[in-house]
Amino acid sequence: MSAVREIAPAKLNLALHVRGRLPDGRHSIETLFAFCTDGDWLSAEPADGLTLQVTGPFADELGGNGDNLVLRAGRALAQAADVDKGAALTLDKRLPVAAGLGGGSADAAAALRLLTSMWRIDPAHAEAVAPGIGSDVPACLLSFPARGDGAGDELTPIELPEVANAPVLLINPRVPLPTSEVFAHWDGADQGPLGDWQEGRNGLEPAAITLVPQIETVLAWLGSQPGAEFARMSGSGATCFALFDSEEARDSAATAVPREWWRLATNLR
């Protein structure tokens, strides 16, 4: 069997309301997931064991690979499906780490999809193990628009025709921002139910801005660009995004992004 590849699309939260705490200690949220046409890439070749090599512009930011979520996903899938198979995995890390874009969850979900196909096993096994790997992994396994409740892992697929294929510009100020730190700075106030996503908010923005003030600057910059229709922070940050009325407007803004910021001009799926 030749090498196979699978994309790990960048995840965006079009809106995110924090509602409180769940009995298991995780935060209760209501969010709307959307995914980009670009992201990390995972490839695999047949092998006796399960190994991972990380390449790409953000490989060094992952540190050691021994407990990478990609490997955890592969081990969990093999155990659930009761298979004695391996794979030599290579992760092309193109998205910044700890950036609110799905990151490890998207990579783990890509591993579940890729290995399910490569090992020729029932996709139900991937669906079963996904929640145990991370709260965002079920959404990333789907990688299409969905509403997330609970800890974000109770999914309801939805149609978003108003943003399908929409041009979007992602910007990160190149400051890693661990999700746990942002939630630790959440003020504890119930932010109310999520209705229309455009009228909603990302309720983690105030906490994230406290930790990384540059987020406020990025949001203001995005919102001031010609053709930008909507700007918001994704997930727990620090990546922010703007939807544009045309690819030309998006590309024009992308060329003007300050050099010290990471950027990605892409589209929603």
C-alpha atoms as a PDB file:
ATOM      1  CA  MET A   1       0.000   0.000   0.000  1.00  0.00           C
ATOM      2  CA  SER A   2       1.336   3.431  -0.934  1.00  0.00           C
ATOM      3  CA  ALA A   3       1.322   6.453   1.380  1.00  0.00           C
ATOM      4  CA  VAL A   4      -2.048   8.081   2.043  1.00  0.00           C
ATOM      5  CA  ARG A   5      -2.794  11.644   3.154  1.00  0.00           C
ATOM      6  CA  GLU A   6      -5.517  13.353   5.163  1.00  0.00           C
ATOM      7  CA  ILE A   7      -6.069  17.045   5.868  1.00  0.00           C
ATOM      8  CA  ALA A   8      -6.660  18.335   9.403  1.00  0.00           C
ATOM      9  CA  PRO A   9      -8.741  21.433   8.610  1.00  0.00           C
ATOM     10  CA  ALA A  10      -8.332  24.528  10.774  1.00  0.00           C
ATOM     11  CA  LYS A  11     -11.283  24.804  13.159  1.00  0.00           C
ATOM     12  CA  LEU A  12     -13.054  28.099  13.817  1.00  0.00           C
ATOM     13  CA  ASN A  13     -15.635  28.923  16.456  1.00  0.00           C
ATOM     14  CA  LEU A  14     -18.070  31.342  14.838  1.00  0.00           C
ATOM     15  CA  ALA A  15     -19.501  31.923  18.323  1.00  0.00           C
ATOM     16  CA  LEU A  16     -18.790  30.483  21.765  1.00  0.00           C
ATOM     17  CA  HIS A  17     -20.816  31.027  24.951  1.00  0.00           C
ATOM     18  CA  VAL A  18     -19.607  29.664  28.287  1.00  0.00           C
ATOM     19  CA  ARG A  19     -22.583  28.580  30.399  1.00  0.00           C
ATOM     20  CA  GLY A  20     -21.024  27.127  33.547  1.00  0.00           C
ATOM     21  CA  ARG A  21     -19.462  23.904  34.798  1.00  0.00           C
ATOM     22  CA  LEU A  22     -20.326  20.287  34.066  1.00  0.00           C
ATOM     23  CA  PRO A  23     -20.399  17.632  36.821  1.00  0.00           C
ATOM     24  CA  ASP A  24     -17.039  16.268  35.604  1.00  0.00           C
ATOM     25  CA  GLY A  25     -15.389  19.673  36.070  1.00  0.00           C
ATOM     26  CA  ARG A  26     -15.216  20.646  32.418  1.00  0.00           C
ATOM     27  CA  HIS A  27     -16.815  23.869  31.223  1.00  0.00           C
ATOM     28  CA  SER A  28     -20.283  23.825  29.702  1.00  0.00           C
ATOM     29  CA  ILE A  29     -20.292  25.681  26.386  1.00  0.00           C
ATOM     30  CA  GLU A  30     -22.525  26.364  23.425  1.00  0.00           C
ATOM     31  CA  THR A  31     -20.590  26.921  20.227  1.00  0.00           C
ATOM     32  CA  LEU A  32     -20.832  26.880  16.458  1.00  0.00           C
ATOM     33  CA  PHE A  33     -18.000  25.073  14.665  1.00  0.00           C
ATOM     34  CA  ALA A  34     -16.879  25.843  11.125  1.00  0.00           C
ATOM     35  CA  PHE A  35     -13.855  24.543   9.246  1.00  0.00           C
ATOM     36  CA  CYS A  36     -11.435  25.914   6.684  1.00  0.00           C
ATOM     37  CA  THR A  37     -10.228  24.357   3.461  1.00  0.00           C
ATOM     38  CA  ASP A  38      -6.618  24.563   4.714  1.00  0.00           C
ATOM     39  CA  GLY A  39      -4.843  23.147   7.747  1.00  0.00           C
ATOM     40  CA  ASP A  40      -2.241  20.608   8.807  1.00  0.00           C
ATOM     41  CA  TRP A  41      -1.606  17.480   6.731  1.00  0.00           C
ATOM     42  CA  LEU A  42      -1.131  13.932   7.993  1.00  0.00           C
ATOM     43  CA  SER A  43       0.308  11.126   5.883  1.00  0.00           C
ATOM     44  CA  ALA A  44       0.882   7.462   6.645  1.00  0.00           C
ATOM     45  CA  GLU A  45       2.644   4.404   5.298  1.00  0.00           C
ATOM     46  CA  PRO A  46       2.240   0.786   6.417  1.00  0.00           C
ATOM     47  CA  ALA A  47       4.574  -0.182   9.269  1.00  0.00           C
ATOM     48  CA  ASP A  48       4.859  -2.753  12.035  1.00  0.00           C
ATOM     49  CA  GLY A  49       4.499  -0.211  14.853  1.00  0.00           C
ATOM     50  CA  LEU A  50       2.862   3.157  15.308  1.00  0.00           C
ATOM     51  CA  THR A  51       5.313   6.053  14.920  1.00  0.00           C
ATOM     52  CA  LEU A  52       5.098   9.784  14.315  1.00  0.00           C
ATOM     53  CA  GLN A  53       7.423  12.262  12.642  1.00  0.00           C
ATOM     54  CA  VAL A  54       6.558  15.974  12.721  1.00  0.00           C
ATOM     55  CA  THR A  55       7.673  18.362   9.989  1.00  0.00           C
ATOM     56  CA  GLY A  56       6.535  21.774   8.806  1.00  0.00           C
ATOM     57  CA  PRO A  57       6.937  25.386   9.967  1.00  0.00           C
ATOM     58  CA  PHE A  58       5.507  24.766  13.456  1.00  0.00           C
ATOM     59  CA  ALA A  59       7.059  21.352  14.139  1.00  0.00           C
ATOM     60  CA  ASP A  60       9.438  22.699  16.773  1.00  0.00           C
ATOM     61  CA  GLU A  61       6.569  24.128  18.829  1.00  0.00           C
ATOM     62  CA  LEU A  62       5.155  20.658  19.510  1.00  0.00           C
ATOM     63  CA  GLY A  63       8.180  19.546  21.515  1.00  0.00           C
ATOM     64  CA  GLY A  64       8.351  15.809  22.211  1.00  0.00           C
ATOM     65  CA  ASN A  65       6.093  13.558  20.161  1.00  0.00           C
ATOM     66  CA  GLY A  66       5.755  10.672  22.635  1.00  0.00           C
ATOM     67  CA  ASP A  67       2.316  11.708  23.872  1.00  0.00           C
ATOM     68  CA  ASN A  68       1.141  13.633  20.825  1.00  0.00           C
ATOM     69  CA  LEU A  69      -2.624  13.431  20.329  1.00  0.00           C
ATOM     70  CA  VAL A  70      -2.064  11.829  16.930  1.00  0.00           C
ATOM     71  CA  LEU A  71      -0.374   8.841  18.565  1.00  0.00           C
ATOM     72  CA  ARG A  72      -2.956   8.712  21.348  1.00  0.00           C
ATOM     73  CA  ALA A  73      -5.701   8.619  18.712  1.00  0.00           C
ATOM     74  CA  GLY A  74      -3.976   5.843  16.793  1.00  0.00           C
ATOM     75  CA  ARG A  75      -3.456   3.722  19.905  1.00  0.00           C
ATOM     76  CA  ALA A  76      -7.033   4.247  21.078  1.00  0.00           C
ATOM     77  CA  LEU A  77      -8.401   3.310  17.652  1.00  0.00           C
ATOM     78  CA  ALA A  78      -6.297   0.149  17.428  1.00  0.00           C
ATOM     79  CA  GLN A  79      -7.439  -0.927  20.886  1.00  0.00           C
ATOM     80  CA  ALA A  80     -11.107  -0.185  20.220  1.00  0.00           C
ATOM     81  CA  ALA A  81     -11.078  -2.045  16.907  1.00  0.00           C
ATOM     82  CA  ASP A  82      -8.935  -4.857  18.330  1.00  0.00           C
ATOM     83  CA  VAL A  83      -6.438  -4.668  15.486  1.00  0.00           C
ATOM     84  CA  ASP A  84      -2.716  -5.391  15.576  1.00  0.00           C
ATOM     85  CA  LYS A  85      -1.623  -2.963  12.895  1.00  0.00           C
ATOM     86  CA  GLY A  86       0.739  -0.021  12.704  1.00  0.00           C
ATOM     87  CA  ALA A  87       1.569   2.998  10.587  1.00  0.00           C
ATOM     88  CA  ALA A  88       4.457   5.385  10.067  1.00  0.00           C
ATOM     89  CA  LEU A  89       2.759   8.752  10.418  1.00  0.00           C
ATOM     90  CA  THR A  90       4.106  12.121   9.307  1.00  0.00           C
ATOM     91  CA  LEU A  91       2.449  15.325  10.480  1.00  0.00           C
ATOM     92  CA  ASP A  92       3.075  18.438   8.387  1.00  0.00           C
ATOM     93  CA  LYS A  93       2.414  21.076  11.068  1.00  0.00           C
ATOM     94  CA  ARG A  94       1.325  24.197   9.163  1.00  0.00           C
ATOM     95  CA  LEU A  95      -0.883  25.810  11.822  1.00  0.00           C
ATOM     96  CA  PRO A  96       0.450  27.505  14.975  1.00  0.00           C
ATOM     97  CA  VAL A  97       0.233  25.570  18.243  1.00  0.00           C
ATOM     98  CA  ALA A  98      -2.112  26.557  21.113  1.00  0.00           C
ATOM     99  CA  ALA A  99      -3.878  28.948  18.742  1.00  0.00           C
ATOM    100  CA  GLY A 100      -7.622  28.210  19.027  1.00  0.00           C
ATOM    101  CA  LEU A 101      -7.708  26.417  15.660  1.00  0.00           C
ATOM    102  CA  GLY A 102      -8.314  22.858  16.766  1.00  0.00           C
ATOM    103  CA  GLY A 103      -4.618  22.047  16.611  1.00  0.00           C
ATOM    104  CA  GLY A 104      -3.968  18.713  18.253  1.00  0.00           C
ATOM    105  CA  SER A 105      -7.669  17.842  18.159  1.00  0.00           C
ATOM    106  CA  ALA A 106      -7.818  18.367  14.386  1.00  0.00           C
ATOM    107  CA  ASP A 107      -4.632  16.337  13.934  1.00  0.00           C
ATOM    108  CA  ALA A 108      -5.997  13.525  16.116  1.00  0.00           C
ATOM    109  CA  ALA A 109      -9.246  13.505  14.155  1.00  0.00           C
ATOM    110  CA  ALA A 110      -7.305  13.318  10.893  1.00  0.00           C
ATOM    111  CA  ALA A 111      -5.435  10.334  12.307  1.00  0.00           C
ATOM    112  CA  LEU A 112      -8.723   8.613  13.147  1.00  0.00           C
ATOM    113  CA  ARG A 113     -10.066   9.167   9.623  1.00  0.00           C
ATOM    114  CA  LEU A 114      -6.823   8.145   7.918  1.00  0.00           C
ATOM    115  CA  LEU A 115      -6.211   5.004   9.991  1.00  0.00           C
ATOM    116  CA  THR A 116      -9.859   3.937   9.745  1.00  0.00           C
ATOM    117  CA  SER A 117      -9.445   3.895   5.971  1.00  0.00           C
ATOM    118  CA  MET A 118      -5.927   2.454   5.986  1.00  0.00           C
ATOM    119  CA  TRP A 119      -6.755  -0.343   8.426  1.00  0.00           C
ATOM    120  CA  ARG A 120     -10.170  -0.935   6.816  1.00  0.00           C
ATOM    121  CA  ILE A 121     -12.130  -0.852  10.040  1.00  0.00           C
ATOM    122  CA  ASP A 122     -15.630   0.305  10.981  1.00  0.00           C
ATOM    123  CA  PRO A 123     -15.826   4.145  11.257  1.00  0.00           C
ATOM    124  CA  ALA A 124     -17.943   3.639  14.389  1.00  0.00           C
ATOM    125  CA  HIS A 125     -14.741   2.897  16.304  1.00  0.00           C
ATOM    126  CA  ALA A 126     -13.360   6.361  15.496  1.00  0.00           C
ATOM    127  CA  GLU A 127     -16.609   7.978  16.608  1.00  0.00           C
ATOM    128  CA  ALA A 128     -16.503   6.010  19.854  1.00  0.00           C
ATOM    129  CA  VAL A 129     -12.946   6.932  20.876  1.00  0.00           C
ATOM    130  CA  ALA A 130     -12.978  10.574  19.711  1.00  0.00           C
ATOM    131  CA  PRO A 131     -14.574  12.131  22.862  1.00  0.00           C
ATOM    132  CA  GLY A 132     -12.007  10.487  25.119  1.00  0.00           C
ATOM    133  CA  ILE A 133      -9.123  12.115  23.247  1.00  0.00           C
ATOM    134  CA  GLY A 134     -10.386  15.687  23.549  1.00  0.00           C
ATOM    135  CA  SER A 135     -13.579  17.746  23.663  1.00  0.00           C
ATOM    136  CA  ASP A 136     -13.027  19.188  20.157  1.00  0.00           C
ATOM    137  CA  VAL A 137     -12.084  15.871  18.527  1.00  0.00           C
ATOM    138  CA  PRO A 138     -15.674  14.798  17.672  1.00  0.00           C
ATOM    139  CA  ALA A 139     -16.286  18.105  15.874  1.00  0.00           C
ATOM    140  CA  CYS A 140     -12.928  17.872  14.107  1.00  0.00           C
ATOM    141  CA  LEU A 141     -13.690  14.284  13.117  1.00  0.00           C
ATOM    142  CA  LEU A 142     -16.763  15.611  11.312  1.00  0.00           C
ATOM    143  CA  SER A 143     -14.950  18.730  10.013  1.00  0.00           C
ATOM    144  CA  PHE A 144     -18.153  20.337   8.763  1.00  0.00           C
ATOM    145  CA  PRO A 145     -20.422  22.938  10.412  1.00  0.00           C
ATOM    146  CA  ALA A 146     -21.968  21.782  13.673  1.00  0.00           C
ATOM    147  CA  ARG A 147     -23.362  23.130  16.895  1.00  0.00           C
ATOM    148  CA  GLY A 148     -21.524  21.898  19.975  1.00  0.00           C
ATOM    149  CA  ASP A 149     -23.102  21.612  23.419  1.00  0.00           C
ATOM    150  CA  GLY A 150     -21.938  20.049  26.670  1.00  0.00           C
ATOM    151  CA  ALA A 151     -18.179  20.447  26.617  1.00  0.00           C
ATOM    152  CA  GLY A 152     -18.450  21.039  22.870  1.00  0.00           C
ATOM    153  CA  ASP A 153     -18.570  17.308  22.175  1.00  0.00           C
ATOM    154  CA  GLU A 154     -22.364  16.949  21.903  1.00  0.00           C
ATOM    155  CA  LEU A 155     -22.786  17.693  18.213  1.00  0.00           C
ATOM    156  CA  THR A 156     -25.684  18.668  15.995  1.00  0.00           C
ATOM    157  CA  PRO A 157     -24.678  19.002  12.306  1.00  0.00           C
ATOM    158  CA  ILE A 158     -26.108  22.146  10.757  1.00  0.00           C
ATOM    159  CA  GLU A 159     -26.303  23.885   7.403  1.00  0.00           C
ATOM    160  CA  LEU A 160     -24.619  27.292   7.066  1.00  0.00           C
ATOM    161  CA  PRO A 161     -25.286  28.283   3.455  1.00  0.00           C
ATOM    162  CA  GLU A 162     -24.610  31.934   4.283  1.00  0.00           C
ATOM    163  CA  VAL A 163     -20.919  31.213   4.951  1.00  0.00           C
ATOM    164  CA  ALA A 164     -20.248  28.187   2.720  1.00  0.00           C
ATOM    165  CA  ASN A 165     -17.046  28.860   0.744  1.00  0.00           C
ATOM    166  CA  ALA A 166     -16.786  32.292   2.390  1.00  0.00           C
ATOM    167  CA  PRO A 167     -13.369  33.959   2.068  1.00  0.00           C
ATOM    168  CA  VAL A 168     -11.718  34.151   5.491  1.00  0.00           C
ATOM    169  CA  LEU A 169      -8.458  35.568   6.811  1.00  0.00           C
ATOM    170  CA  LEU A 170      -6.876  34.091   9.933  1.00  0.00           C
ATOM    171  CA  ILE A 171      -4.314  36.037  11.988  1.00  0.00           C
ATOM    172  CA  ASN A 172      -2.320  34.950  15.011  1.00  0.00           C
ATOM    173  CA  PRO A 173      -0.009  37.361  16.879  1.00  0.00           C
ATOM    174  CA  ARG A 174       2.463  34.474  17.311  1.00  0.00           C
ATOM    175  CA  VAL A 175       1.757  34.092  21.020  1.00  0.00           C
ATOM    176  CA  PRO A 176       0.805  30.561  22.188  1.00  0.00           C
ATOM    177  CA  LEU A 177      -2.238  30.594  24.473  1.00  0.00           C
ATOM    178  CA  PRO A 178      -3.091  27.328  26.266  1.00  0.00           C
ATOM    179  CA  THR A 179      -6.817  26.690  26.563  1.00  0.00           C
ATOM    180  CA  SER A 180      -6.539  25.818  30.253  1.00  0.00           C
ATOM    181  CA  GLU A 181      -5.110  29.247  31.081  1.00  0.00           C
ATOM    182  CA  VAL A 182      -7.919  31.061  29.297  1.00  0.00           C
ATOM    183  CA  PHE A 183     -10.643  29.081  31.037  1.00  0.00           C
ATOM    184  CA  ALA A 184      -8.860  29.668  34.356  1.00  0.00           C
ATOM    185  CA  HIS A 185      -9.336  33.425  33.761  1.00  0.00           C
ATOM    186  CA  TRP A 186     -13.036  33.112  32.806  1.00  0.00           C
ATOM    187  CA  ASP A 187     -15.072  35.312  35.176  1.00  0.00           C
ATOM    188  CA  GLY A 188     -17.574  32.536  35.970  1.00  0.00           C
ATOM    189  CA  ALA A 189     -20.618  34.406  34.658  1.00  0.00           C
ATOM    190  CA  ASP A 190     -23.200  32.480  32.599  1.00  0.00           C
ATOM    191  CA  GLN A 191     -23.079  34.163  29.186  1.00  0.00           C
ATOM    192  CA  GLY A 192     -26.567  33.112  28.169  1.00  0.00           C
ATOM    193  CA  PRO A 193     -27.805  30.805  25.417  1.00  0.00           C
ATOM    194  CA  LEU A 194     -26.346  30.910  21.929  1.00  0.00           C
ATOM    195  CA  GLY A 195     -28.904  31.988  19.356  1.00  0.00           C
ATOM    196  CA  ASP A 196     -27.936  33.639  16.077  1.00  0.00           C
ATOM    197  CA  TRP A 197     -24.167  33.241  15.811  1.00  0.00           C
ATOM    198  CA  GLN A 198     -23.631  36.675  14.279  1.00  0.00           C
ATOM    199  CA  GLU A 199     -25.366  38.299  17.246  1.00  0.00           C
ATOM    200  CA  GLY A 200     -23.486  36.098  19.693  1.00  0.00           C
ATOM    201  CA  ARG A 201     -19.923  36.435  20.907  1.00  0.00           C
ATOM    202  CA  ASN A 202     -16.828  34.563  21.871  1.00  0.00           C
ATOM    203  CA  GLY A 203     -17.198  34.697  25.634  1.00  0.00           C
ATOM    204  CA  LEU A 204     -13.541  33.812  26.140  1.00  0.00           C
ATOM    205  CA  GLU A 205     -12.278  36.981  24.440  1.00  0.00           C
ATOM    206  CA  PRO A 206     -12.027  39.083  27.657  1.00  0.00           C
ATOM    207  CA  ALA A 207     -10.022  36.388  29.453  1.00  0.00           C
ATOM    208  CA  ALA A 208      -7.793  35.812  26.430  1.00  0.00           C
ATOM    209  CA  ILE A 209      -7.139  39.533  25.976  1.00  0.00           C
ATOM    210  CA  THR A 210      -6.109  39.774  29.626  1.00  0.00           C
ATOM    211  CA  LEU A 211      -3.433  37.162  28.931  1.00  0.00           C
ATOM    212  CA  VAL A 212      -2.496  38.309  25.401  1.00  0.00           C
ATOM    213  CA  PRO A 213      -3.403  41.995  24.866  1.00  0.00           C
ATOM    214  CA  GLN A 214      -2.321  41.759  21.215  1.00  0.00           C
ATOM    215  CA  ILE A 215      -5.597  39.947  20.487  1.00  0.00           C
ATOM    216  CA  GLU A 216      -7.480  43.224  20.874  1.00  0.00           C
ATOM    217  CA  THR A 217      -5.130  44.837  18.358  1.00  0.00           C
ATOM    218  CA  VAL A 218      -5.598  41.993  15.869  1.00  0.00           C
ATOM    219  CA  LEU A 219      -9.394  42.180  16.140  1.00  0.00           C
ATOM    220  CA  ALA A 220      -9.382  45.940  15.603  1.00  0.00           C
ATOM    221  CA  TRP A 221      -7.075  45.575  12.600  1.00  0.00           C
ATOM    222  CA  LEU A 222      -9.232  42.876  10.999  1.00  0.00           C
ATOM    223  CA  GLY A 223     -12.432  44.822  11.567  1.00  0.00           C
ATOM    224  CA  SER A 224     -10.996  47.895   9.856  1.00  0.00           C
ATOM    225  CA  GLN A 225     -10.106  46.142   6.597  1.00  0.00           C
ATOM    226  CA  PRO A 226     -12.163  46.954   3.479  1.00  0.00           C
ATOM    227  CA  GLY A 227     -14.578  44.126   2.733  1.00  0.00           C
ATOM    228  CA  ALA A 228     -14.393  42.605   6.223  1.00  0.00           C
ATOM    229  CA  GLU A 229     -17.942  41.691   7.254  1.00  0.00           C
ATOM    230  CA  PHE A 230     -17.312  40.001  10.568  1.00  0.00           C
ATOM    231  CA  ALA A 231     -14.316  39.627  12.932  1.00  0.00           C
ATOM    232  CA  ARG A 232     -13.996  37.449  16.023  1.00  0.00           C
ATOM    233  CA  MET A 233     -11.509  35.392  18.041  1.00  0.00           C
ATOM    234  CA  SER A 234     -11.593  31.620  17.521  1.00  0.00           C
ATOM    235  CA  GLY A 235     -11.814  29.202  20.434  1.00  0.00           C
ATOM    236  CA  SER A 236      -9.593  30.198  23.331  1.00  0.00           C
ATOM    237  CA  GLY A 237      -7.350  32.279  21.046  1.00  0.00           C
ATOM    238  CA  ALA A 238      -5.081  33.796  20.212  1.00  0.00           C
ATOM    239  CA  THR A 239      -6.041  33.371  16.531  1.00  0.00           C
ATOM    240  CA  CYS A 240      -8.668  35.785  15.202  1.00  0.00           C
ATOM    241  CA  PHE A 241     -10.479  35.708  11.882  1.00  0.00           C
ATOM    242  CA  ALA A 242     -12.554  37.864   9.579  1.00  0.00           C
ATOM    243  CA  LEU A 243     -15.057  36.866   6.916  1.00  0.00           C
ATOM    244  CA  PHE A 244     -14.803  38.959   3.732  1.00  0.00           C
ATOM    245  CA  ASP A 245     -17.258  39.853   1.002  1.00  0.00           C
ATOM    246  CA  SER A 246     -14.836  38.710  -1.727  1.00  0.00           C
ATOM    247  CA  GLU A 247     -11.605  36.822  -2.190  1.00  0.00           C
ATOM    248  CA  GLU A 248     -10.069  39.950  -3.674  1.00  0.00           C
ATOM    249  CA  ALA A 249     -10.761  41.916  -0.476  1.00  0.00           C
ATOM    250  CA  ARG A 250      -9.440  39.054   1.642  1.00  0.00           C
ATOM    251  CA  ASP A 251      -6.248  38.770  -0.397  1.00  0.00           C
ATOM    252  CA  SER A 252      -5.701  42.517  -0.305  1.00  0.00           C
ATOM    253  CA  ALA A 253      -5.963  42.449   3.485  1.00  0.00           C
ATOM    254  CA  ALA A 254      -3.638  39.429   3.667  1.00  0.00           C
ATOM    255  CA  THR A 255      -0.880  41.314   1.870  1.00  0.00           C
ATOM    256  CA  ALA A 256      -1.162  44.141   4.407  1.00  0.00           C
ATOM    257  CA  VAL A 257      -0.903  41.969   7.542  1.00  0.00           C
ATOM    258  CA  PRO A 258       2.024  43.133   9.727  1.00  0.00           C
ATOM    259  CA  ARG A 259       5.034  40.897   9.167  1.00  0.00           C
ATOM    260  CA  GLU A 260       5.286  39.877  12.823  1.00  0.00           C
ATOM    261  CA  TRP A 261       1.847  38.193  12.687  1.00  0.00           C
ATOM    262  CA  TRP A 262       1.067  34.766  11.216  1.00  0.00           C
ATOM    263  CA  ARG A 263      -1.662  34.802   8.578  1.00  0.00           C
ATOM    264  CA  LEU A 264      -3.649  32.367   6.450  1.00  0.00           C
ATOM    265  CA  ALA A 265      -5.949  33.373   3.592  1.00  0.00           C
ATOM    266  CA  THR A 266      -8.404  30.542   3.038  1.00  0.00           C
ATOM    267  CA  ASN A 267     -12.111  29.684   2.668  1.00  0.00           C
ATOM    268  CA  LEU A 268     -14.716  27.998   4.825  1.00  0.00           C
ATOM    269  CA  ARG A 269     -15.783  24.499   3.821  1.00  0.00           C
END
